[in-house]
C-alpha atoms as a PDB file:
ATOM      1  CA  UNK A   1     -12.473  -7.075 -14.987  1.00  0.00           C
ATOM      2  CA  UNK A   2     -14.063  -4.318 -13.604  1.00  0.00           C
ATOM      3  CA  UNK A   3     -17.364  -3.863 -11.752  1.00  0.00           C
ATOM      4  CA  UNK A   4     -20.517  -2.038 -13.818  1.00  0.00           C
ATOM      5  CA  UNK A   5     -21.089  -0.130 -11.105  1.00  0.00           C
ATOM      6  CA  UNK A   6     -19.594   0.860  -7.642  1.00  0.00           C
ATOM      7  CA  UNK A   7     -22.013  -0.069  -5.625  1.00  0.00           C
ATOM      8  CA  UNK A   8     -24.670  -3.382  -5.496  1.00  0.00           C
ATOM      9  CA  UNK A   9     -28.315  -3.399  -6.070  1.00  0.00           C
ATOM     10  CA  UNK A  10     -29.372  -5.972  -4.498  1.00  0.00           C
ATOM     11  CA  UNK A  11     -32.317  -6.364  -2.149  1.00  0.00           C
ATOM     12  CA  UNK A  12     -30.203  -5.744   0.961  1.00  0.00           C
ATOM     13  CA  UNK A  13     -28.472  -2.848  -0.602  1.00  0.00           C
ATOM     14  CA  UNK A  14     -31.346  -1.068  -1.707  1.00  0.00           C
ATOM     15  CA  UNK A  15     -33.075  -1.235   1.502  1.00  0.00           C
ATOM     16  CA  UNK A  16     -30.385   0.445   3.074  1.00  0.00           C
ATOM     17  CA  UNK A  17     -30.756   2.708   0.405  1.00  0.00           C
ATOM     18  CA  UNK A  18     -34.295   3.735   1.145  1.00  0.00           C
ATOM     19  CA  UNK A  19     -33.497   3.681   4.809  1.00  0.00           C
ATOM     20  CA  UNK A  20     -30.349   6.366   4.281  1.00  0.00           C
ATOM     21  CA  UNK A  21     -32.518   8.167   1.930  1.00  0.00           C
ATOM     22  CA  UNK A  22     -35.417   8.805   4.528  1.00  0.00           C
ATOM     23  CA  UNK A  23     -32.842  10.221   6.545  1.00  0.00           C
ATOM     24  CA  UNK A  24     -31.612  12.196   4.816  1.00  0.00           C
ATOM     25  CA  UNK A  25     -33.981  14.284   3.258  1.00  0.00           C
ATOM     26  CA  UNK A  26     -37.525  15.660   4.467  1.00  0.00           C
ATOM     27  CA  UNK A  27     -40.549  14.886   2.514  1.00  0.00           C
ATOM     28  CA  UNK A  28     -42.176  12.558   0.443  1.00  0.00           C
ATOM     29  CA  UNK A  29     -39.676  10.078  -0.735  1.00  0.00           C
ATOM     30  CA  UNK A  30     -42.176   8.916  -3.310  1.00  0.00           C
ATOM     31  CA  UNK A  31     -41.934  12.573  -5.139  1.00  0.00           C
ATOM     32  CA  UNK A  32     -38.375  11.472  -5.649  1.00  0.00           C
ATOM     33  CA  UNK A  33     -36.871   9.799  -9.142  1.00  0.00           C
ATOM     34  CA  UNK A  34     -34.020   9.013  -7.619  1.00  0.00           C
ATOM     35  CA  UNK A  35     -35.638   7.471  -5.000  1.00  0.00           C
ATOM     36  CA  UNK A  36     -38.836   5.553  -6.967  1.00  0.00           C
ATOM     37  CA  UNK A  37     -35.973   4.417  -9.672  1.00  0.00           C
ATOM     38  CA  UNK A  38     -33.580   2.484  -7.198  1.00  0.00           C
ATOM     39  CA  UNK A  39     -36.179   1.408  -5.066  1.00  0.00           C
ATOM     40  CA  UNK A  40     -37.603  -0.911  -8.591  1.00  0.00           C
ATOM     41  CA  UNK A  41     -33.800  -2.139  -9.154  1.00  0.00           C
ATOM     42  CA  UNK A  42     -33.093   0.519 -11.618  1.00  0.00           C
ATOM     43  CA  UNK A  43     -30.073   2.760 -12.176  1.00  0.00           C
ATOM     44  CA  UNK A  44     -30.903   6.611 -13.154  1.00  0.00           C
ATOM     45  CA  UNK A  45     -28.484   9.130 -13.955  1.00  0.00           C
ATOM     46  CA  UNK A  46     -26.647  10.912 -11.327  1.00  0.00           C
ATOM     47  CA  UNK A  47     -26.911   7.959  -9.326  1.00  0.00           C
ATOM     48  CA  UNK A  48     -22.898   7.899  -8.545  1.00  0.00           C
ATOM     49  CA  UNK A  49     -24.315  11.370  -6.178  1.00  0.00           C
ATOM     50  CA  UNK A  50     -25.652   9.226  -4.420  1.00  0.00           C
ATOM     51  CA  UNK A  51     -22.893   6.755  -3.313  1.00  0.00           C
ATOM     52  CA  UNK A  52     -22.629   7.413   0.321  1.00  0.00           C
ATOM     53  CA  UNK A  53     -26.680   5.922   0.825  1.00  0.00           C
ATOM     54  CA  UNK A  54     -25.157   2.686  -0.193  1.00  0.00           C
ATOM     55  CA  UNK A  55     -22.523   2.166   2.343  1.00  0.00           C
ATOM     56  CA  UNK A  56     -22.065   2.439   6.206  1.00  0.00           C
ATOM     57  CA  UNK A  57     -19.241   4.538   5.101  1.00  0.00           C
ATOM     58  CA  UNK A  58     -16.899   5.273   2.556  1.00  0.00           C
ATOM     59  CA  UNK A  59     -13.201   5.897   1.605  1.00  0.00           C
ATOM     60  CA  UNK A  60     -11.367   8.846  -0.536  1.00  0.00           C
ATOM     61  CA  UNK A  61      -8.565   7.350  -3.225  1.00  0.00           C
ATOM     62  CA  UNK A  62      -6.004   8.644  -0.652  1.00  0.00           C
ATOM     63  CA  UNK A  63      -7.206   5.914   1.802  1.00  0.00           C
ATOM     64  CA  UNK A  64      -5.948   3.213  -0.894  1.00  0.00           C
ATOM     65  CA  UNK A  65      -2.473   4.635  -0.898  1.00  0.00           C
ATOM     66  CA  UNK A  66       0.692   2.720   0.837  1.00  0.00           C
ATOM     67  CA  UNK A  67       2.690   5.194   3.029  1.00  0.00           C
ATOM     68  CA  UNK A  68       5.581   3.606   1.035  1.00  0.00           C
ATOM     69  CA  UNK A  69       4.266   5.388  -2.379  1.00  0.00           C
ATOM     70  CA  UNK A  70       5.916   8.717  -3.553  1.00  0.00           C
ATOM     71  CA  UNK A  71       2.955  11.498  -5.293  1.00  0.00           C
ATOM     72  CA  UNK A  72       4.832  13.241  -7.642  1.00  0.00           C
ATOM     73  CA  UNK A  73       2.118  16.426  -7.680  1.00  0.00           C
ATOM     74  CA  UNK A  74       2.133  19.192  -9.731  1.00  0.00           C
ATOM     75  CA  UNK A  75       2.637  23.226  -8.801  1.00  0.00           C
ATOM     76  CA  UNK A  76      -0.412  24.562  -8.446  1.00  0.00           C
ATOM     77  CA  UNK A  77      -2.566  21.631  -7.085  1.00  0.00           C
ATOM     78  CA  UNK A  78      -4.364  23.370  -4.340  1.00  0.00           C
ATOM     79  CA  UNK A  79      -5.724  25.798  -6.475  1.00  0.00           C
ATOM     80  CA  UNK A  80      -7.109  23.152  -8.924  1.00  0.00           C
ATOM     81  CA  UNK A  81      -9.166  21.752  -5.512  1.00  0.00           C
ATOM     82  CA  UNK A  82      -9.973  25.302  -5.122  1.00  0.00           C
ATOM     83  CA  UNK A  83     -11.094  25.713  -8.483  1.00  0.00           C
ATOM     84  CA  UNK A  84     -12.962  22.000  -8.110  1.00  0.00           C
ATOM     85  CA  UNK A  85     -14.588  22.827  -5.037  1.00  0.00           C
ATOM     86  CA  UNK A  86     -15.966  26.276  -6.005  1.00  0.00           C
ATOM     87  CA  UNK A  87     -17.280  24.472  -9.048  1.00  0.00           C
ATOM     88  CA  UNK A  88     -19.007  21.831  -7.206  1.00  0.00           C
ATOM     89  CA  UNK A  89     -21.119  24.190  -4.642  1.00  0.00           C
ATOM     90  CA  UNK A  90     -22.209  26.722  -7.828  1.00  0.00           C
ATOM     91  CA  UNK A  91     -23.529  23.599  -9.211  1.00  0.00           C
ATOM     92  CA  UNK A  92     -24.964  22.403  -5.566  1.00  0.00           C
ATOM     93  CA  UNK A  93     -26.807  25.547  -5.554  1.00  0.00           C
ATOM     94  CA  UNK A  94     -27.914  24.943  -8.911  1.00  0.00           C
ATOM     95  CA  UNK A  95     -29.216  21.239  -8.208  1.00  0.00           C
ATOM     96  CA  UNK A  96     -30.727  22.237  -5.328  1.00  0.00           C
ATOM     97  CA  UNK A  97     -33.649  23.248  -6.559  1.00  0.00           C
ATOM     98  CA  UNK A  98     -35.114  20.333  -8.163  1.00  0.00           C
ATOM     99  CA  UNK A  99     -37.164  18.658  -5.268  1.00  0.00           C
ATOM    100  CA  UNK A 100     -37.307  15.547  -7.149  1.00  0.00           C
ATOM    101  CA  UNK A 101     -33.435  15.481  -7.557  1.00  0.00           C
ATOM    102  CA  UNK A 102     -32.833  16.237  -3.908  1.00  0.00           C
ATOM    103  CA  UNK A 103     -28.969  16.335  -3.216  1.00  0.00           C
ATOM    104  CA  UNK A 104     -26.283  15.688  -0.735  1.00  0.00           C
ATOM    105  CA  UNK A 105     -24.270  18.318   1.041  1.00  0.00           C
ATOM    106  CA  UNK A 106     -21.034  18.453  -0.625  1.00  0.00           C
ATOM    107  CA  UNK A 107     -19.146  17.462   2.950  1.00  0.00           C
ATOM    108  CA  UNK A 108     -21.415  14.198   2.500  1.00  0.00           C
ATOM    109  CA  UNK A 109     -20.370  14.151  -1.483  1.00  0.00           C
ATOM    110  CA  UNK A 110     -16.569  15.228  -1.780  1.00  0.00           C
ATOM    111  CA  UNK A 111     -13.675  15.527   0.247  1.00  0.00           C
ATOM    112  CA  UNK A 112     -13.217  19.086   0.932  1.00  0.00           C
ATOM    113  CA  UNK A 113     -11.067  21.436  -1.144  1.00  0.00           C
ATOM    114  CA  UNK A 114      -8.081  21.750   1.350  1.00  0.00           C
ATOM    115  CA  UNK A 115      -8.259  17.808   2.898  1.00  0.00           C
ATOM    116  CA  UNK A 116      -6.743  16.176   0.318  1.00  0.00           C
ATOM    117  CA  UNK A 117      -3.372  18.647  -0.167  1.00  0.00           C
ATOM    118  CA  UNK A 118      -3.326  17.677   3.549  1.00  0.00           C
ATOM    119  CA  UNK A 119      -3.701  14.371   3.487  1.00  0.00           C
ATOM    120  CA  UNK A 120      -1.563  13.787   0.689  1.00  0.00           C
ATOM    121  CA  UNK A 121       1.246  15.882   2.440  1.00  0.00           C
ATOM    122  CA  UNK A 122       1.105  12.522   4.987  1.00  0.00           C
ATOM    123  CA  UNK A 123       3.144  10.650   2.071  1.00  0.00           C
ATOM    124  CA  UNK A 124       6.243  11.479   0.094  1.00  0.00           C
ATOM    125  CA  UNK A 125       6.541  14.375  -2.220  1.00  0.00           C
ATOM    126  CA  UNK A 126       7.761  15.480  -5.264  1.00  0.00           C
ATOM    127  CA  UNK A 127       6.561  19.202  -6.466  1.00  0.00           C
ATOM    128  CA  UNK A 128       7.486  19.847 -10.095  1.00  0.00           C
ATOM    129  CA  UNK A 129       6.703  23.192 -11.894  1.00  0.00           C
ATOM    130  CA  UNK A 130       7.577  23.814 -15.291  1.00  0.00           C
ATOM    131  CA  UNK A 131       9.198  27.396 -13.875  1.00  0.00           C
ATOM    132  CA  UNK A 132      12.008  27.218 -11.921  1.00  0.00           C
ATOM    133  CA  UNK A 133      11.871  26.521  -8.252  1.00  0.00           C
ATOM    134  CA  UNK A 134      13.832  28.703  -5.498  1.00  0.00           C
ATOM    135  CA  UNK A 135      17.044  27.188  -4.478  1.00  0.00           C
ATOM    136  CA  UNK A 136      17.163  25.422  -1.188  1.00  0.00           C
ATOM    137  CA  UNK A 137      18.046  21.785  -0.077  1.00  0.00           C
ATOM    138  CA  UNK A 138      14.686  20.246  -1.158  1.00  0.00           C
ATOM    139  CA  UNK A 139      14.856  22.422  -4.472  1.00  0.00           C
ATOM    140  CA  UNK A 140      16.880  20.719  -8.120  1.00  0.00           C
ATOM    141  CA  UNK A 141      16.359  22.769 -11.227  1.00  0.00           C
ATOM    142  CA  UNK A 142      16.974  20.684 -14.226  1.00  0.00           C
ATOM    143  CA  UNK A 143      18.457  22.141 -17.350  1.00  0.00           C
ATOM    144  CA  UNK A 144      15.704  20.703 -20.285  1.00  0.00           C
ATOM    145  CA  UNK A 145      14.252  22.629 -23.084  1.00  0.00           C
ATOM    146  CA  UNK A 146      11.280  22.029 -25.281  1.00  0.00           C
ATOM    147  CA  UNK A 147      11.728  19.729 -28.346  1.00  0.00           C
ATOM    148  CA  UNK A 148      11.295  21.691 -31.501  1.00  0.00           C
ATOM    149  CA  UNK A 149       7.621  21.409 -33.652  1.00  0.00           C
ATOM    150  CA  UNK A 150       7.670  18.038 -35.715  1.00  0.00           C
ATOM    151  CA  UNK A 151       4.404  17.463 -36.522  1.00  0.00           C
ATOM    152  CA  UNK A 152       3.819  14.285 -39.248  1.00  0.00           C
ATOM    153  CA  UNK A 153       0.429  14.804 -41.478  1.00  0.00           C
ATOM    154  CA  UNK A 154       1.278  11.804 -43.756  1.00  0.00           C
ATOM    155  CA  UNK A 155       3.607   8.183 -43.795  1.00  0.00           C
ATOM    156  CA  UNK A 156       5.357   9.843 -47.108  1.00  0.00           C
ATOM    157  CA  UNK A 157       8.669   9.731 -47.721  1.00  0.00           C
ATOM    158  CA  UNK A 158       8.721  13.903 -46.565  1.00  0.00           C
ATOM    159  CA  UNK A 159       7.076  13.201 -43.392  1.00  0.00           C
ATOM    160  CA  UNK A 160       9.823  10.535 -42.169  1.00  0.00           C
ATOM    161  CA  UNK A 161      13.043  12.045 -43.931  1.00  0.00           C
ATOM    162  CA  UNK A 162      12.004  15.415 -41.196  1.00  0.00           C
ATOM    163  CA  UNK A 163      11.925  12.792 -38.295  1.00  0.00           C
ATOM    164  CA  UNK A 164      15.517  11.086 -39.618  1.00  0.00           C
ATOM    165  CA  UNK A 165      16.537  14.666 -40.048  1.00  0.00           C
ATOM    166  CA  UNK A 166      15.715  15.548 -36.154  1.00  0.00           C
ATOM    167  CA  UNK A 167      17.880  12.313 -35.108  1.00  0.00           C
ATOM    168  CA  UNK A 168      20.586  12.871 -37.740  1.00  0.00           C
ATOM    169  CA  UNK A 169      20.619  16.545 -35.568  1.00  0.00           C
ATOM    170  CA  UNK A 170      20.398  15.774 -32.071  1.00  0.00           C
ATOM    171  CA  UNK A 171      23.172  14.085 -30.204  1.00  0.00           C
ATOM    172  CA  UNK A 172      21.975  11.940 -27.575  1.00  0.00           C
ATOM    173  CA  UNK A 173      19.277   9.034 -27.412  1.00  0.00           C
ATOM    174  CA  UNK A 174      15.282   9.732 -27.738  1.00  0.00           C
ATOM    175  CA  UNK A 175      12.414   8.081 -26.310  1.00  0.00           C
ATOM    176  CA  UNK A 176       9.472   8.507 -28.609  1.00  0.00           C
ATOM    177  CA  UNK A 177       5.838   7.943 -26.642  1.00  0.00           C
ATOM    178  CA  UNK A 178       2.897   6.899 -28.149  1.00  0.00           C
ATOM    179  CA  UNK A 179      -0.727   6.288 -26.749  1.00  0.00           C
ATOM    180  CA  UNK A 180      -1.379   2.984 -28.413  1.00  0.00           C
ATOM    181  CA  UNK A 181       0.246   0.145 -29.459  1.00  0.00           C
ATOM    182  CA  UNK A 182      -0.957   0.849 -33.312  1.00  0.00           C
ATOM    183  CA  UNK A 183       0.527   4.076 -33.210  1.00  0.00           C
ATOM    184  CA  UNK A 184       3.886   2.682 -31.484  1.00  0.00           C
ATOM    185  CA  UNK A 185       3.899   0.331 -34.574  1.00  0.00           C
ATOM    186  CA  UNK A 186       2.655   2.583 -37.387  1.00  0.00           C
ATOM    187  CA  UNK A 187       6.272   4.856 -35.962  1.00  0.00           C
ATOM    188  CA  UNK A 188       8.430   1.837 -36.097  1.00  0.00           C
ATOM    189  CA  UNK A 189       6.958   0.877 -39.882  1.00  0.00           C
ATOM    190  CA  UNK A 190       7.673   4.324 -40.644  1.00  0.00           C
ATOM    191  CA  UNK A 191      11.762   4.687 -39.211  1.00  0.00           C
ATOM    192  CA  UNK A 192      12.544   0.833 -39.517  1.00  0.00           C
ATOM    193  CA  UNK A 193      14.919   0.227 -42.609  1.00  0.00           C
ATOM    194  CA  UNK A 194      16.587   3.294 -42.243  1.00  0.00           C
ATOM    195  CA  UNK A 195      19.757   2.139 -40.943  1.00  0.00           C
ATOM    196  CA  UNK A 196      18.613   3.564 -37.366  1.00  0.00           C
ATOM    197  CA  UNK A 197      19.168   1.899 -34.429  1.00  0.00           C
ATOM    198  CA  UNK A 198      15.490   1.462 -33.196  1.00  0.00           C
ATOM    199  CA  UNK A 199      14.163  -0.404 -30.936  1.00  0.00           C
ATOM    200  CA  UNK A 200      10.372  -1.420 -29.202  1.00  0.00           C
ATOM    201  CA  UNK A 201      10.494  -0.486 -25.397  1.00  0.00           C
ATOM    202  CA  UNK A 202       8.318  -0.828 -22.793  1.00  0.00           C
ATOM    203  CA  UNK A 203       8.450   1.681 -20.971  1.00  0.00           C
ATOM    204  CA  UNK A 204      11.238   4.353 -19.331  1.00  0.00           C
ATOM    205  CA  UNK A 205      13.013   1.718 -17.316  1.00  0.00           C
ATOM    206  CA  UNK A 206      12.839  -0.307 -20.483  1.00  0.00           C
ATOM    207  CA  UNK A 207      14.651   2.315 -22.825  1.00  0.00           C
ATOM    208  CA  UNK A 208      17.225   3.271 -19.600  1.00  0.00           C
ATOM    209  CA  UNK A 209      18.465  -0.152 -19.240  1.00  0.00           C
ATOM    210  CA  UNK A 210      18.184  -0.824 -23.380  1.00  0.00           C
ATOM    211  CA  UNK A 211      21.136  -0.253 -25.584  1.00  0.00           C
ATOM    212  CA  UNK A 212      19.369   1.296 -28.813  1.00  0.00           C
ATOM    213  CA  UNK A 213      19.672   4.604 -29.507  1.00  0.00           C
ATOM    214  CA  UNK A 214      16.306   5.216 -30.358  1.00  0.00           C
ATOM    215  CA  UNK A 215      13.214   3.669 -28.722  1.00  0.00           C
ATOM    216  CA  UNK A 216       9.299   3.724 -29.022  1.00  0.00           C
ATOM    217  CA  UNK A 217       6.958   2.917 -25.831  1.00  0.00           C
ATOM    218  CA  UNK A 218       3.307   3.291 -25.005  1.00  0.00           C
ATOM    219  CA  UNK A 219       3.428   6.238 -22.881  1.00  0.00           C
ATOM    220  CA  UNK A 220       0.975   9.010 -21.554  1.00  0.00           C
ATOM    221  CA  UNK A 221       3.095  11.767 -22.381  1.00  0.00           C
ATOM    222  CA  UNK A 222       1.458  15.202 -23.147  1.00  0.00           C
ATOM    223  CA  UNK A 223       4.732  17.488 -24.248  1.00  0.00           C
ATOM    224  CA  UNK A 224       8.308  16.328 -24.786  1.00  0.00           C
ATOM    225  CA  UNK A 225      11.348  17.526 -23.064  1.00  0.00           C
ATOM    226  CA  UNK A 226      15.001  17.578 -24.298  1.00  0.00           C
ATOM    227  CA  UNK A 227      17.458  17.092 -21.246  1.00  0.00           C
ATOM    228  CA  UNK A 228      20.841  18.569 -22.486  1.00  0.00           C
ATOM    229  CA  UNK A 229      22.803  17.252 -20.117  1.00  0.00           C
ATOM    230  CA  UNK A 230      21.628  13.632 -19.947  1.00  0.00           C
ATOM    231  CA  UNK A 231      21.751  13.816 -23.812  1.00  0.00           C
ATOM    232  CA  UNK A 232      17.899  12.142 -23.521  1.00  0.00           C
ATOM    233  CA  UNK A 233      15.414  13.397 -25.749  1.00  0.00           C
ATOM    234  CA  UNK A 234      11.196  12.707 -25.076  1.00  0.00           C
ATOM    235  CA  UNK A 235       8.973  13.208 -28.060  1.00  0.00           C
ATOM    236  CA  UNK A 236       5.135  12.711 -27.757  1.00  0.00           C
ATOM    237  CA  UNK A 237       2.664  11.565 -29.632  1.00  0.00           C
ATOM    238  CA  UNK A 238       1.357  14.784 -29.972  1.00  0.00           C
ATOM    239  CA  UNK A 239       3.961  16.629 -31.253  1.00  0.00           C
ATOM    240  CA  UNK A 240       4.450  14.108 -33.907  1.00  0.00           C
ATOM    241  CA  UNK A 241       0.651  13.471 -34.771  1.00  0.00           C
ATOM    242  CA  UNK A 242      -1.225  16.702 -33.734  1.00  0.00           C
ATOM    243  CA  UNK A 243      -4.002  15.760 -31.828  1.00  0.00           C
ATOM    244  CA  UNK A 244      -3.580  12.348 -29.287  1.00  0.00           C
ATOM    245  CA  UNK A 245      -5.719   9.436 -30.409  1.00  0.00           C
ATOM    246  CA  UNK A 246      -9.009   8.936 -28.186  1.00  0.00           C
ATOM    247  CA  UNK A 247     -10.395   5.470 -27.081  1.00  0.00           C
ATOM    248  CA  UNK A 248     -14.132   5.637 -26.924  1.00  0.00           C
ATOM    249  CA  UNK A 249     -15.232   4.739 -23.277  1.00  0.00           C
ATOM    250  CA  UNK A 250     -18.010   5.175 -21.052  1.00  0.00           C
ATOM    251  CA  UNK A 251     -18.143   8.428 -19.179  1.00  0.00           C
ATOM    252  CA  UNK A 252     -18.219   8.205 -15.896  1.00  0.00           C
ATOM    253  CA  UNK A 253     -19.032  10.460 -12.631  1.00  0.00           C
ATOM    254  CA  UNK A 254     -16.056  10.987 -10.211  1.00  0.00           C
ATOM    255  CA  UNK A 255     -17.168  11.705  -6.650  1.00  0.00           C
ATOM    256  CA  UNK A 256     -14.633  12.037  -4.645  1.00  0.00           C
ATOM    257  CA  UNK A 257     -15.308   9.868  -2.161  1.00  0.00           C
ATOM    258  CA  UNK A 258     -15.594   5.600  -3.083  1.00  0.00           C
ATOM    259  CA  UNK A 259     -16.586   2.902  -1.247  1.00  0.00           C
ATOM    260  CA  UNK A 260     -14.026   0.458   0.087  1.00  0.00           C
ATOM    261  CA  UNK A 261     -15.309  -2.699  -1.440  1.00  0.00           C
ATOM    262  CA  UNK A 262     -13.082  -1.356  -4.890  1.00  0.00           C
ATOM    263  CA  UNK A 263     -12.924   1.013  -7.057  1.00  0.00           C
ATOM    264  CA  UNK A 264     -13.832   1.222 -10.681  1.00  0.00           C
ATOM    265  CA  UNK A 265     -11.451   2.994 -13.691  1.00  0.00           C
ATOM    266  CA  UNK A 266     -13.033   4.741 -16.695  1.00  0.00           C
END
């Protein structure tokens, strides 16, 4: 069960917000829509960006990671953080002109772009890339290929037959990843009864430990891969059905600094 919001809205929390707000911004706080709404026990849009005003201190996602965890990070991660910081700074310059919604500085709201990689460096890491990396004691280049295109338009016989032809041509094990249990059942029904060594599986480890040649799992994989040396193919739902299925969910504003009381996953 997830919390309704990232902060309490009790009388004590509102009082702390009001006090912190007055200390953070100059001028009459009653002119601010945010201040008035929170004082009345409401949560106006964008209130997540005022999260630090509800707590004595906040924490980042990195603070919740155990030193025993291994972080798998893509190449170019630092560039993504720098890009986000530049976009956030540009938006800050735009939003800082609104007197009814004075905003906290980027340093109060977000982690600095260089701070996240620096803190991740304290944890064991696997850095991966789609391109070959320089040889060295810590570098390994695996032989990989992209699976052939095999988009399925319908559940009719011709679509299933095309998929079966791929399975007949590939000399190895195959794991299909789907976005939802419903998609997994749809694909299972399409292939079941065709003499294939087929089984549902829970995850990657279950597939490796299983004796069946073909597995179907629910896993968030966008792009599949062929591993010729291991004789394993991973085929994603996106490759089978085109666009990935989307689950309707409430959109959340991500603040990079989260309260130590708990996290909300959106």
